[in-house]
Amino acid sequence: MKTLFEAFFASIPYQWHTNNEIANYEGYYASVFYSYFASLGLAITVEDSSQAGRLDMAVLFNGNVYLFEFKVVEQVSSGAALRQLKERDYAAKYRGRGEPIYLIGVEFSRQTRTLAAFEVERV
């Protein structure tokens, strides 16, 4: 999945980033991920609220639960996305489903306008 998204972001023309600040915002990168999964017709929940806060995106697919947290590395420390998934225990909401749950921390660089880190942990 990491390689797929690296290629996907590499295909976005640099002109789309010039003369604007879009690459500075987590929402830009999250919307690209959302659009990709939505185009596949998958069950997606964005800004998924729980007692611990808001998960950026949950995807239910093929008997698995994929929980995504997105961060821009220039604004947070390295590893912050996966750390937030674990510290806030966003998986708790999905444990009753009895399906494998994957925490996916995705970090972007506003300088390179692509993935800076992609961590996956099964819980």
PDB file of N, CA and C in Angstrom:
ATOM      1  N   MET A   1       0.828  -1.185   0.000  1.00  0.00           N
ATOM      2  CA  MET A   1       0.000   0.000   0.000  1.00  0.00           C
ATOM      3  C   MET A   1       0.879   1.257   0.000  1.00  0.00           C
ATOM      4  N   LYS A   2       1.971   1.218   0.737  1.00  0.00           N
ATOM      5  CA  LYS A   2       2.866   2.378   0.781  1.00  0.00           C
ATOM      6  C   LYS A   2       3.370   2.721  -0.616  1.00  0.00           C
ATOM      7  N   THR A   3       3.847   1.732  -1.342  1.00  0.00           N
ATOM      8  CA  THR A   3       4.371   1.953  -2.693  1.00  0.00           C
ATOM      9  C   THR A   3       3.289   2.511  -3.609  1.00  0.00           C
ATOM     10  N   LEU A   4       2.084   2.013  -3.476  1.00  0.00           N
ATOM     11  CA  LEU A   4       0.961   2.488  -4.282  1.00  0.00           C
ATOM     12  C   LEU A   4       0.723   3.978  -4.049  1.00  0.00           C
ATOM     13  N   PHE A   5       0.706   4.400  -2.788  1.00  0.00           N
ATOM     14  CA  PHE A   5       0.456   5.802  -2.500  1.00  0.00           C
ATOM     15  C   PHE A   5       1.653   6.696  -2.819  1.00  0.00           C
ATOM     16  N   GLU A   6       2.856   6.169  -2.701  1.00  0.00           N
ATOM     17  CA  GLU A   6       4.020   6.953  -3.124  1.00  0.00           C
ATOM     18  C   GLU A   6       3.910   7.260  -4.618  1.00  0.00           C
ATOM     19  N   ALA A   7       3.551   6.260  -5.400  1.00  0.00           N
ATOM     20  CA  ALA A   7       3.386   6.457  -6.844  1.00  0.00           C
ATOM     21  C   ALA A   7       2.222   7.402  -7.134  1.00  0.00           C
ATOM     22  N   PHE A   8       1.160   7.259  -6.381  1.00  0.00           N
ATOM     23  CA  PHE A   8      -0.020   8.112  -6.579  1.00  0.00           C
ATOM     24  C   PHE A   8       0.328   9.580  -6.329  1.00  0.00           C
ATOM     25  N   PHE A   9       0.993   9.877  -5.212  1.00  0.00           N
ATOM     26  CA  PHE A   9       1.385  11.257  -4.926  1.00  0.00           C
ATOM     27  C   PHE A   9       2.431  11.760  -5.915  1.00  0.00           C
ATOM     28  N   ALA A  10       3.305  10.881  -6.395  1.00  0.00           N
ATOM     29  CA  ALA A  10       4.309  11.273  -7.381  1.00  0.00           C
ATOM     30  C   ALA A  10       3.667  11.692  -8.704  1.00  0.00           C
ATOM     31  N   SER A  11       2.472  11.209  -8.959  1.00  0.00           N
ATOM     32  CA  SER A  11       1.797  11.537 -10.224  1.00  0.00           C
ATOM     33  C   SER A  11       1.048  12.874 -10.183  1.00  0.00           C
ATOM     34  N   ILE A  12       0.943  13.488  -9.014  1.00  0.00           N
ATOM     35  CA  ILE A  12       0.259  14.781  -8.904  1.00  0.00           C
ATOM     36  C   ILE A  12       1.223  15.868  -9.375  1.00  0.00           C
ATOM     37  N   PRO A  13       0.853  16.623 -10.405  1.00  0.00           N
ATOM     38  CA  PRO A  13       1.774  17.614 -10.973  1.00  0.00           C
ATOM     39  C   PRO A  13       2.191  18.686  -9.966  1.00  0.00           C
ATOM     40  N   TYR A  14       3.464  19.069 -10.018  1.00  0.00           N
ATOM     41  CA  TYR A  14       3.978  20.073  -9.082  1.00  0.00           C
ATOM     42  C   TYR A  14       3.260  21.409  -9.254  1.00  0.00           C
ATOM     43  N   GLN A  15       2.745  21.691 -10.457  1.00  0.00           N
ATOM     44  CA  GLN A  15       2.047  22.951 -10.690  1.00  0.00           C
ATOM     45  C   GLN A  15       0.824  23.101  -9.778  1.00  0.00           C
ATOM     46  N   TRP A  16       0.261  21.994  -9.352  1.00  0.00           N
ATOM     47  CA  TRP A  16      -0.911  22.045  -8.480  1.00  0.00           C
ATOM     48  C   TRP A  16      -0.543  22.512  -7.084  1.00  0.00           C
ATOM     49  N   HIS A  17       0.749  22.527  -6.779  1.00  0.00           N
ATOM     50  CA  HIS A  17       1.219  22.952  -5.458  1.00  0.00           C
ATOM     51  C   HIS A  17       1.837  24.337  -5.473  1.00  0.00           C
ATOM     52  N   THR A  18       2.067  24.894  -6.644  1.00  0.00           N
ATOM     53  CA  THR A  18       2.720  26.199  -6.718  1.00  0.00           C
ATOM     54  C   THR A  18       1.707  27.314  -6.488  1.00  0.00           C
ATOM     55  N   ASN A  19       2.197  28.387  -5.940  1.00  0.00           N
ATOM     56  CA  ASN A  19       1.384  29.574  -5.673  1.00  0.00           C
ATOM     57  C   ASN A  19       0.211  29.331  -4.730  1.00  0.00           C
ATOM     58  N   ASN A  20       0.310  28.293  -3.903  1.00  0.00           N
ATOM     59  CA  ASN A  20      -0.688  28.066  -2.862  1.00  0.00           C
ATOM     60  C   ASN A  20      -0.039  27.286  -1.729  1.00  0.00           C
ATOM     61  N   GLU A  21      -0.734  27.217  -0.638  1.00  0.00           N
ATOM     62  CA  GLU A  21      -0.191  26.584   0.568  1.00  0.00           C
ATOM     63  C   GLU A  21      -0.793  25.205   0.840  1.00  0.00           C
ATOM     64  N   ILE A  22      -1.432  24.589  -0.149  1.00  0.00           N
ATOM     65  CA  ILE A  22      -2.180  23.346   0.080  1.00  0.00           C
ATOM     66  C   ILE A  22      -1.312  22.237   0.682  1.00  0.00           C
ATOM     67  N   ALA A  23      -0.053  22.146   0.288  1.00  0.00           N
ATOM     68  CA  ALA A  23       0.823  21.079   0.787  1.00  0.00           C
ATOM     69  C   ALA A  23       1.165  21.224   2.271  1.00  0.00           C
ATOM     70  N   ASN A  24       0.802  22.346   2.877  1.00  0.00           N
ATOM     71  CA  ASN A  24       1.065  22.552   4.301  1.00  0.00           C
ATOM     72  C   ASN A  24       0.005  21.916   5.190  1.00  0.00           C
ATOM     73  N   TYR A  25      -1.089  21.470   4.621  1.00  0.00           N
ATOM     74  CA  TYR A  25      -2.241  21.071   5.420  1.00  0.00           C
ATOM     75  C   TYR A  25      -2.527  19.581   5.347  1.00  0.00           C
ATOM     76  N   GLU A  26      -2.707  19.009   6.520  1.00  0.00           N
ATOM     77  CA  GLU A  26      -3.033  17.588   6.643  1.00  0.00           C
ATOM     78  C   GLU A  26      -4.276  17.224   5.827  1.00  0.00           C
ATOM     79  N   GLY A  27      -5.252  18.116   5.797  1.00  0.00           N
ATOM     80  CA  GLY A  27      -6.499  17.853   5.089  1.00  0.00           C
ATOM     81  C   GLY A  27      -6.313  17.580   3.609  1.00  0.00           C
ATOM     82  N   TYR A  28      -5.329  18.202   2.995  1.00  0.00           N
ATOM     83  CA  TYR A  28      -5.049  17.939   1.579  1.00  0.00           C
ATOM     84  C   TYR A  28      -4.664  16.481   1.388  1.00  0.00           C
ATOM     85  N   TYR A  29      -3.698  16.012   2.169  1.00  0.00           N
ATOM     86  CA  TYR A  29      -3.218  14.636   2.037  1.00  0.00           C
ATOM     87  C   TYR A  29      -4.315  13.634   2.400  1.00  0.00           C
ATOM     88  N   ALA A  30      -5.060  13.932   3.457  1.00  0.00           N
ATOM     89  CA  ALA A  30      -6.162  13.049   3.872  1.00  0.00           C
ATOM     90  C   ALA A  30      -7.213  12.953   2.781  1.00  0.00           C
ATOM     91  N   SER A  31      -7.497  14.061   2.111  1.00  0.00           N
ATOM     92  CA  SER A  31      -8.530  14.035   1.067  1.00  0.00           C
ATOM     93  C   SER A  31      -8.087  13.213  -0.140  1.00  0.00           C
ATOM     94  N   VAL A  32      -6.786  13.184  -0.417  1.00  0.00           N
ATOM     95  CA  VAL A  32      -6.282  12.337  -1.505  1.00  0.00           C
ATOM     96  C   VAL A  32      -6.495  10.868  -1.149  1.00  0.00           C
ATOM     97  N   PHE A  33      -6.148  10.489   0.090  1.00  0.00           N
ATOM     98  CA  PHE A  33      -6.389   9.111   0.542  1.00  0.00           C
ATOM     99  C   PHE A  33      -7.878   8.781   0.473  1.00  0.00           C
ATOM    100  N   TYR A  34      -8.703   9.670   1.015  1.00  0.00           N
ATOM    101  CA  TYR A  34     -10.150   9.447   1.007  1.00  0.00           C
ATOM    102  C   TYR A  34     -10.657   9.250  -0.414  1.00  0.00           C
ATOM    103  N   SER A  35     -10.268  10.104  -1.315  1.00  0.00           N
ATOM    104  CA  SER A  35     -10.737  10.024  -2.698  1.00  0.00           C
ATOM    105  C   SER A  35     -10.349   8.707  -3.344  1.00  0.00           C
ATOM    106  N   TYR A  36      -9.150   8.260  -3.060  1.00  0.00           N
ATOM    107  CA  TYR A  36      -8.681   7.002  -3.634  1.00  0.00           C
ATOM    108  C   TYR A  36      -9.568   5.847  -3.166  1.00  0.00           C
ATOM    109  N   PHE A  37      -9.752   5.730  -1.851  1.00  0.00           N
ATOM    110  CA  PHE A  37     -10.569   4.636  -1.315  1.00  0.00           C
ATOM    111  C   PHE A  37     -12.037   4.780  -1.701  1.00  0.00           C
ATOM    112  N   ALA A  38     -12.545   5.988  -1.732  1.00  0.00           N
ATOM    113  CA  ALA A  38     -13.943   6.212  -2.121  1.00  0.00           C
ATOM    114  C   ALA A  38     -14.173   5.789  -3.565  1.00  0.00           C
ATOM    115  N   SER A  39     -13.184   6.026  -4.424  1.00  0.00           N
ATOM    116  CA  SER A  39     -13.340   5.644  -5.829  1.00  0.00           C
ATOM    117  C   SER A  39     -13.433   4.132  -6.006  1.00  0.00           C
ATOM    118  N   LEU A  40     -12.951   3.387  -5.015  1.00  0.00           N
ATOM    119  CA  LEU A  40     -13.047   1.927  -5.046  1.00  0.00           C
ATOM    120  C   LEU A  40     -14.370   1.425  -4.474  1.00  0.00           C
ATOM    121  N   GLY A  41     -15.167   2.339  -3.934  1.00  0.00           N
ATOM    122  CA  GLY A  41     -16.465   1.965  -3.382  1.00  0.00           C
ATOM    123  C   GLY A  41     -16.392   1.306  -2.016  1.00  0.00           C
ATOM    124  N   LEU A  42     -15.321   1.554  -1.274  1.00  0.00           N
ATOM    125  CA  LEU A  42     -15.159   0.925   0.036  1.00  0.00           C
ATOM    126  C   LEU A  42     -15.955   1.665   1.107  1.00  0.00           C
ATOM    127  N   ALA A  43     -16.234   0.959   2.202  1.00  0.00           N
ATOM    128  CA  ALA A  43     -16.923   1.560   3.351  1.00  0.00           C
ATOM    129  C   ALA A  43     -15.917   2.401   4.121  1.00  0.00           C
ATOM    130  N   ILE A  44     -16.115   3.719   4.111  1.00  0.00           N
ATOM    131  CA  ILE A  44     -15.169   4.660   4.702  1.00  0.00           C
ATOM    132  C   ILE A  44     -15.904   5.565   5.676  1.00  0.00           C
ATOM    133  N   THR A  45     -15.264   5.816   6.807  1.00  0.00           N
ATOM    134  CA  THR A  45     -15.758   6.822   7.741  1.00  0.00           C
ATOM    135  C   THR A  45     -14.607   7.776   8.001  1.00  0.00           C
ATOM    136  N   VAL A  46     -14.835   9.068   7.771  1.00  0.00           N
ATOM    137  CA  VAL A  46     -13.807  10.061   8.054  1.00  0.00           C
ATOM    138  C   VAL A  46     -14.195  10.845   9.301  1.00  0.00           C
ATOM    139  N   GLU A  47     -13.176  11.364   9.987  1.00  0.00           N
ATOM    140  CA  GLU A  47     -13.399  12.089  11.239  1.00  0.00           C
ATOM    141  C   GLU A  47     -14.298  11.266  12.162  1.00  0.00           C
ATOM    142  N   ASP A  48     -13.895  10.022  12.358  1.00  0.00           N
ATOM    143  CA  ASP A  48     -14.658   9.025  13.110  1.00  0.00           C
ATOM    144  C   ASP A  48     -14.509   9.280  14.616  1.00  0.00           C
ATOM    145  N   SER A  49     -15.560   9.813  15.232  1.00  0.00           N
ATOM    146  CA  SER A  49     -15.522  10.196  16.645  1.00  0.00           C
ATOM    147  C   SER A  49     -15.675   9.010  17.584  1.00  0.00           C
ATOM    148  N   SER A  50     -14.953   9.095  18.695  1.00  0.00           N
ATOM    149  CA  SER A  50     -15.084   8.123  19.781  1.00  0.00           C
ATOM    150  C   SER A  50     -14.875   8.883  21.092  1.00  0.00           C
ATOM    151  N   GLN A  51     -14.858   8.174  22.202  1.00  0.00           N
ATOM    152  CA  GLN A  51     -14.669   8.818  23.492  1.00  0.00           C
ATOM    153  C   GLN A  51     -13.277   9.436  23.615  1.00  0.00           C
ATOM    154  N   ALA A  52     -12.347   9.023  22.770  1.00  0.00           N
ATOM    155  CA  ALA A  52     -10.959   9.471  22.879  1.00  0.00           C
ATOM    156  C   ALA A  52     -10.593  10.585  21.898  1.00  0.00           C
ATOM    157  N   GLY A  53     -11.501  10.919  20.996  1.00  0.00           N
ATOM    158  CA  GLY A  53     -11.185  11.937  19.994  1.00  0.00           C
ATOM    159  C   GLY A  53     -11.709  11.542  18.632  1.00  0.00           C
ATOM    160  N   ARG A  54     -11.034  12.038  17.592  1.00  0.00           N
ATOM    161  CA  ARG A  54     -11.464  11.768  16.216  1.00  0.00           C
ATOM    162  C   ARG A  54     -10.353  11.091  15.423  1.00  0.00           C
ATOM    163  N   LEU A  55     -10.653   9.931  14.930  1.00  0.00           N
ATOM    164  CA  LEU A  55      -9.785   9.194  14.027  1.00  0.00           C
ATOM    165  C   LEU A  55      -9.917   9.831  12.648  1.00  0.00           C
ATOM    166  N   ASP A  56      -8.813   9.971  11.922  1.00  0.00           N
ATOM    167  CA  ASP A  56      -8.900  10.603  10.606  1.00  0.00           C
ATOM    168  C   ASP A  56      -9.721   9.791   9.609  1.00  0.00           C
ATOM    169  N   MET A  57      -9.485   8.468   9.540  1.00  0.00           N
ATOM    170  CA  MET A  57     -10.232   7.679   8.566  1.00  0.00           C
ATOM    171  C   MET A  57     -10.239   6.205   8.954  1.00  0.00           C
ATOM    172  N   ALA A  58     -11.408   5.589   8.840  1.00  0.00           N
ATOM    173  CA  ALA A  58     -11.558   4.145   9.042  1.00  0.00           C
ATOM    174  C   ALA A  58     -12.047   3.548   7.727  1.00  0.00           C
ATOM    175  N   VAL A  59     -11.457   2.426   7.351  1.00  0.00           N
ATOM    176  CA  VAL A  59     -11.857   1.728   6.132  1.00  0.00           C
ATOM    177  C   VAL A  59     -12.158   0.281   6.511  1.00  0.00           C
ATOM    178  N   LEU A  60     -13.343  -0.177   6.151  1.00  0.00           N
ATOM    179  CA  LEU A  60     -13.733  -1.569   6.368  1.00  0.00           C
ATOM    180  C   LEU A  60     -13.664  -2.262   5.013  1.00  0.00           C
ATOM    181  N   PHE A  61     -12.860  -3.326   4.949  1.00  0.00           N
ATOM    182  CA  PHE A  61     -12.673  -4.006   3.668  1.00  0.00           C
ATOM    183  C   PHE A  61     -12.281  -5.458   3.869  1.00  0.00           C
ATOM    184  N   ASN A  62     -13.012  -6.319   3.220  1.00  0.00           N
ATOM    185  CA  ASN A  62     -12.649  -7.737   3.146  1.00  0.00           C
ATOM    186  C   ASN A  62     -12.424  -8.368   4.514  1.00  0.00           C
ATOM    187  N   GLY A  63     -13.296  -8.028   5.478  1.00  0.00           N
ATOM    188  CA  GLY A  63     -13.197  -8.613   6.812  1.00  0.00           C
ATOM    189  C   GLY A  63     -12.081  -8.040   7.666  1.00  0.00           C
ATOM    190  N   ASN A  64     -11.557  -6.889   7.291  1.00  0.00           N
ATOM    191  CA  ASN A  64     -10.497  -6.217   8.041  1.00  0.00           C
ATOM    192  C   ASN A  64     -10.912  -4.782   8.338  1.00  0.00           C
ATOM    193  N   VAL A  65     -10.332  -4.232   9.395  1.00  0.00           N
ATOM    194  CA  VAL A  65     -10.552  -2.837   9.776  1.00  0.00           C
ATOM    195  C   VAL A  65      -9.209  -2.123   9.664  1.00  0.00           C
ATOM    196  N   TYR A  66      -9.180  -1.045   8.884  1.00  0.00           N
ATOM    197  CA  TYR A  66      -7.977  -0.252   8.696  1.00  0.00           C
ATOM    198  C   TYR A  66      -8.224   1.140   9.273  1.00  0.00           C
ATOM    199  N   LEU A  67      -7.435   1.515  10.258  1.00  0.00           N
ATOM    200  CA  LEU A  67      -7.594   2.797  10.925  1.00  0.00           C
ATOM    201  C   LEU A  67      -6.410   3.690  10.581  1.00  0.00           C
ATOM    202  N   PHE A  68      -6.697   4.834   9.983  1.00  0.00           N
ATOM    203  CA  PHE A  68      -5.665   5.745   9.495  1.00  0.00           C
ATOM    204  C   PHE A  68      -5.603   7.023  10.319  1.00  0.00           C
ATOM    205  N   GLU A  69      -4.384   7.447  10.602  1.00  0.00           N
ATOM    206  CA  GLU A  69      -4.135   8.764  11.180  1.00  0.00           C
ATOM    207  C   GLU A  69      -3.094   9.437  10.304  1.00  0.00           C
ATOM    208  N   PHE A  70      -3.338  10.690   9.935  1.00  0.00           N
ATOM    209  CA  PHE A  70      -2.463  11.431   9.038  1.00  0.00           C
ATOM    210  C   PHE A  70      -1.816  12.599   9.773  1.00  0.00           C
ATOM    211  N   LYS A  71      -0.562  12.859   9.460  1.00  0.00           N
ATOM    212  CA  LYS A  71       0.174  13.988  10.037  1.00  0.00           C
ATOM    213  C   LYS A  71       1.117  14.570   8.990  1.00  0.00           C
ATOM    214  N   VAL A  72       1.432  15.849   9.140  1.00  0.00           N
ATOM    215  CA  VAL A  72       2.457  16.509   8.340  1.00  0.00           C
ATOM    216  C   VAL A  72       3.701  16.597   9.219  1.00  0.00           C
ATOM    217  N   VAL A  73       4.817  16.018   8.769  1.00  0.00           N
ATOM    218  CA  VAL A  73       5.995  15.857   9.632  1.00  0.00           C
ATOM    219  C   VAL A  73       6.613  17.173  10.077  1.00  0.00           C
ATOM    220  N   GLU A  74       6.481  18.197   9.296  1.00  0.00           N
ATOM    221  CA  GLU A  74       7.065  19.472   9.704  1.00  0.00           C
ATOM    222  C   GLU A  74       6.295  20.106  10.867  1.00  0.00           C
ATOM    223  N   GLN A  75       5.131  19.564  11.182  1.00  0.00           N
ATOM    224  CA  GLN A  75       4.305  20.119  12.251  1.00  0.00           C
ATOM    225  C   GLN A  75       4.272  19.251  13.506  1.00  0.00           C
ATOM    226  N   VAL A  76       4.777  18.024  13.433  1.00  0.00           N
ATOM    227  CA  VAL A  76       4.766  17.101  14.575  1.00  0.00           C
ATOM    228  C   VAL A  76       6.064  16.302  14.592  1.00  0.00           C
ATOM    229  N   SER A  77       6.304  15.595  15.664  1.00  0.00           N
ATOM    230  CA  SER A  77       7.491  14.752  15.736  1.00  0.00           C
ATOM    231  C   SER A  77       7.273  13.463  14.943  1.00  0.00           C
ATOM    232  N   SER A  78       8.353  12.857  14.526  1.00  0.00           N
ATOM    233  CA  SER A  78       8.297  11.612  13.769  1.00  0.00           C
ATOM    234  C   SER A  78       7.598  10.526  14.586  1.00  0.00           C
ATOM    235  N   GLY A  79       6.752   9.759  13.936  1.00  0.00           N
ATOM    236  CA  GLY A  79       6.024   8.691  14.608  1.00  0.00           C
ATOM    237  C   GLY A  79       4.741   9.137  15.283  1.00  0.00           C
ATOM    238  N   ALA A  80       4.387  10.407  15.156  1.00  0.00           N
ATOM    239  CA  ALA A  80       3.217  10.955  15.851  1.00  0.00           C
ATOM    240  C   ALA A  80       1.905  10.322  15.406  1.00  0.00           C
ATOM    241  N   ALA A  81       1.795   9.954  14.138  1.00  0.00           N
ATOM    242  CA  ALA A  81       0.532   9.403  13.640  1.00  0.00           C
ATOM    243  C   ALA A  81       0.217   8.057  14.299  1.00  0.00           C
ATOM    244  N   LEU A  82       1.155   7.127  14.245  1.00  0.00           N
ATOM    245  CA  LEU A  82       0.929   5.818  14.862  1.00  0.00           C
ATOM    246  C   LEU A  82       0.806   5.949  16.375  1.00  0.00           C
ATOM    247  N   ARG A  83       1.602   6.817  16.956  1.00  0.00           N
ATOM    248  CA  ARG A  83       1.545   7.030  18.410  1.00  0.00           C
ATOM    249  C   ARG A  83       0.147   7.494  18.833  1.00  0.00           C
ATOM    250  N   GLN A  84      -0.447   8.394  18.079  1.00  0.00           N
ATOM    251  CA  GLN A  84      -1.797   8.869  18.421  1.00  0.00           C
ATOM    252  C   GLN A  84      -2.826   7.752  18.309  1.00  0.00           C
ATOM    253  N   LEU A  85      -2.714   6.927  17.285  1.00  0.00           N
ATOM    254  CA  LEU A  85      -3.635   5.795  17.140  1.00  0.00           C
ATOM    255  C   LEU A  85      -3.591   4.897  18.375  1.00  0.00           C
ATOM    256  N   LYS A  86      -2.396   4.649  18.878  1.00  0.00           N
ATOM    257  CA  LYS A  86      -2.234   3.766  20.022  1.00  0.00           C
ATOM    258  C   LYS A  86      -2.615   4.444  21.338  1.00  0.00           C
ATOM    259  N   GLU A  87      -2.148   5.672  21.530  1.00  0.00           N
ATOM    260  CA  GLU A  87      -2.424   6.367  22.797  1.00  0.00           C
ATOM    261  C   GLU A  87      -3.908   6.621  23.009  1.00  0.00           C
ATOM    262  N   ARG A  88      -4.602   6.932  21.958  1.00  0.00           N
ATOM    263  CA  ARG A  88      -6.040   7.209  22.080  1.00  0.00           C
ATOM    264  C   ARG A  88      -6.896   5.958  21.899  1.00  0.00           C
ATOM    265  N   ASP A  89      -6.242   4.845  21.622  1.00  0.00           N
ATOM    266  CA  ASP A  89      -6.918   3.552  21.475  1.00  0.00           C
ATOM    267  C   ASP A  89      -8.141   3.644  20.566  1.00  0.00           C
ATOM    268  N   TYR A  90      -7.942   4.213  19.389  1.00  0.00           N
ATOM    269  CA  TYR A  90      -9.041   4.313  18.428  1.00  0.00           C
ATOM    270  C   TYR A  90      -9.580   2.938  18.024  1.00  0.00           C
ATOM    271  N   ALA A  91      -8.778   1.898  18.190  1.00  0.00           N
ATOM    272  CA  ALA A  91      -9.217   0.544  17.840  1.00  0.00           C
ATOM    273  C   ALA A  91     -10.320   0.024  18.758  1.00  0.00           C
ATOM    274  N   ALA A  92     -10.443   0.580  19.974  1.00  0.00           N
ATOM    275  CA  ALA A  92     -11.425   0.090  20.950  1.00  0.00           C
ATOM    276  C   ALA A  92     -12.834   0.040  20.362  1.00  0.00           C
ATOM    277  N   LYS A  93     -13.170   1.011  19.579  1.00  0.00           N
ATOM    278  CA  LYS A  93     -14.503   1.105  18.976  1.00  0.00           C
ATOM    279  C   LYS A  93     -14.796  -0.072  18.036  1.00  0.00           C
ATOM    280  N   TYR A  94     -13.764  -0.695  17.527  1.00  0.00           N
ATOM    281  CA  TYR A  94     -13.919  -1.741  16.505  1.00  0.00           C
ATOM    282  C   TYR A  94     -13.636  -3.146  17.000  1.00  0.00           C
ATOM    283  N   ARG A  95     -13.173  -3.291  18.217  1.00  0.00           N
ATOM    284  CA  ARG A  95     -12.794  -4.622  18.711  1.00  0.00           C
ATOM    285  C   ARG A  95     -13.958  -5.605  18.747  1.00  0.00           C
ATOM    286  N   GLY A  96     -15.151  -5.127  19.020  1.00  0.00           N
ATOM    287  CA  GLY A  96     -16.320  -5.996  19.092  1.00  0.00           C
ATOM    288  C   GLY A  96     -16.679  -6.657  17.772  1.00  0.00           C
ATOM    289  N   ARG A  97     -16.135  -6.186  16.684  1.00  0.00           N
ATOM    290  CA  ARG A  97     -16.413  -6.765  15.362  1.00  0.00           C
ATOM    291  C   ARG A  97     -15.748  -8.129  15.197  1.00  0.00           C
ATOM    292  N   GLY A  98     -14.697  -8.391  15.983  1.00  0.00           N
ATOM    293  CA  GLY A  98     -13.991  -9.665  15.882  1.00  0.00           C
ATOM    294  C   GLY A  98     -13.165  -9.800  14.617  1.00  0.00           C
ATOM    295  N   GLU A  99     -12.818  -8.696  13.988  1.00  0.00           N
ATOM    296  CA  GLU A  99     -12.033  -8.706  12.754  1.00  0.00           C
ATOM    297  C   GLU A  99     -10.629  -8.174  13.038  1.00  0.00           C
ATOM    298  N   PRO A 100      -9.671  -8.567  12.204  1.00  0.00           N
ATOM    299  CA  PRO A 100      -8.325  -8.002  12.361  1.00  0.00           C
ATOM    300  C   PRO A 100      -8.368  -6.481  12.203  1.00  0.00           C
ATOM    301  N   ILE A 101      -7.606  -5.785  13.051  1.00  0.00           N
ATOM    302  CA  ILE A 101      -7.550  -4.328  13.018  1.00  0.00           C
ATOM    303  C   ILE A 101      -6.113  -3.916  12.736  1.00  0.00           C
ATOM    304  N   TYR A 102      -5.961  -3.023  11.781  1.00  0.00           N
ATOM    305  CA  TYR A 102      -4.651  -2.504  11.415  1.00  0.00           C
ATOM    306  C   TYR A 102      -4.607  -1.007  11.687  1.00  0.00           C
ATOM    307  N   LEU A 103      -3.614  -0.583  12.464  1.00  0.00           N
ATOM    308  CA  LEU A 103      -3.371   0.831  12.704  1.00  0.00           C
ATOM    309  C   LEU A 103      -2.366   1.291  11.658  1.00  0.00           C
ATOM    310  N   ILE A 104      -2.692   2.370  10.954  1.00  0.00           N
ATOM    311  CA  ILE A 104      -1.825   2.847   9.883  1.00  0.00           C
ATOM    312  C   ILE A 104      -1.541   4.330  10.100  1.00  0.00           C
ATOM    313  N   GLY A 105      -0.314   4.607  10.486  1.00  0.00           N
ATOM    314  CA  GLY A 105       0.130   5.984  10.681  1.00  0.00           C
ATOM    315  C   GLY A 105       0.819   6.465   9.418  1.00  0.00           C
ATOM    316  N   VAL A 106       0.259   7.506   8.813  1.00  0.00           N
ATOM    317  CA  VAL A 106       0.807   8.030   7.560  1.00  0.00           C
ATOM    318  C   VAL A 106       1.262   9.463   7.799  1.00  0.00           C
ATOM    319  N   GLU A 107       2.515   9.713   7.484  1.00  0.00           N
ATOM    320  CA  GLU A 107       3.062  11.050   7.664  1.00  0.00           C
ATOM    321  C   GLU A 107       3.552  11.571   6.325  1.00  0.00           C
ATOM    322  N   PHE A 108       3.300  12.852   6.090  1.00  0.00           N
ATOM    323  CA  PHE A 108       3.631  13.498   4.828  1.00  0.00           C
ATOM    324  C   PHE A 108       4.637  14.607   5.061  1.00  0.00           C
ATOM    325  N   SER A 109       5.380  14.917   4.027  1.00  0.00           N
ATOM    326  CA  SER A 109       6.296  16.050   4.070  1.00  0.00           C
ATOM    327  C   SER A 109       5.751  17.140   3.167  1.00  0.00           C
ATOM    328  N   ARG A 110       5.584  18.326   3.704  1.00  0.00           N
ATOM    329  CA  ARG A 110       5.113  19.430   2.865  1.00  0.00           C
ATOM    330  C   ARG A 110       6.211  19.882   1.915  1.00  0.00           C
ATOM    331  N   GLN A 111       7.471  19.582   2.255  1.00  0.00           N
ATOM    332  CA  GLN A 111       8.574  19.953   1.369  1.00  0.00           C
ATOM    333  C   GLN A 111       8.627  19.068   0.126  1.00  0.00           C
ATOM    334  N   THR A 112       8.486  17.750   0.315  1.00  0.00           N
ATOM    335  CA  THR A 112       8.546  16.827  -0.830  1.00  0.00           C
ATOM    336  C   THR A 112       7.166  16.517  -1.397  1.00  0.00           C
ATOM    337  N   ARG A 113       6.108  16.887  -0.663  1.00  0.00           N
ATOM    338  CA  ARG A 113       4.714  16.684  -1.079  1.00  0.00           C
ATOM    339  C   ARG A 113       4.398  15.205  -1.334  1.00  0.00           C
ATOM    340  N   THR A 114       4.941  14.340  -0.470  1.00  0.00           N
ATOM    341  CA  THR A 114       4.670  12.913  -0.575  1.00  0.00           C
ATOM    342  C   THR A 114       4.818  12.270   0.806  1.00  0.00           C
ATOM    343  N   LEU A 115       4.717  10.949   0.847  1.00  0.00           N
ATOM    344  CA  LEU A 115       4.838  10.231   2.107  1.00  0.00           C
ATOM    345  C   LEU A 115       6.233  10.381   2.695  1.00  0.00           C
ATOM    346  N   ALA A 116       6.278  10.668   3.989  1.00  0.00           N
ATOM    347  CA  ALA A 116       7.544  10.721   4.706  1.00  0.00           C
ATOM    348  C   ALA A 116       7.688   9.487   5.602  1.00  0.00           C
ATOM    349  N   ALA A 117       6.570   8.916   6.030  1.00  0.00           N
ATOM    350  CA  ALA A 117       6.573   7.712   6.868  1.00  0.00           C
ATOM    351  C   ALA A 117       5.248   6.990   6.674  1.00  0.00           C
ATOM    352  N   PHE A 118       5.299   5.668   6.785  1.00  0.00           N
ATOM    353  CA  PHE A 118       4.116   4.831   6.628  1.00  0.00           C
ATOM    354  C   PHE A 118       4.301   3.640   7.544  1.00  0.00           C
ATOM    355  N   GLU A 119       3.632   3.658   8.706  1.00  0.00           N
ATOM    356  CA  GLU A 119       3.793   2.596   9.699  1.00  0.00           C
ATOM    357  C   GLU A 119       2.493   1.825   9.852  1.00  0.00           C
ATOM    358  N   VAL A 120       2.598   0.510   9.902  1.00  0.00           N
ATOM    359  CA  VAL A 120       1.419  -0.344  10.057  1.00  0.00           C
ATOM    360  C   VAL A 120       1.657  -1.279  11.233  1.00  0.00           C
ATOM    361  N   GLU A 121       0.633  -1.410  12.063  1.00  0.00           N
ATOM    362  CA  GLU A 121       0.688  -2.324  13.194  1.00  0.00           C
ATOM    363  C   GLU A 121      -0.653  -3.012  13.335  1.00  0.00           C
ATOM    364  N   ARG A 122      -0.627  -4.335  13.409  1.00  0.00           N
ATOM    365  CA  ARG A 122      -1.860  -5.091  13.632  1.00  0.00           C
ATOM    366  C   ARG A 122      -2.100  -5.198  15.129  1.00  0.00           C
ATOM    367  N   VAL A 123      -3.344  -4.946  15.550  1.00  0.00           N
ATOM    368  CA  VAL A 123      -3.691  -5.042  16.964  1.00  0.00           C
ATOM    369  C   VAL A 123      -4.788  -6.058  17.176  1.00  0.00           C
TER     370      VAL A 123
END
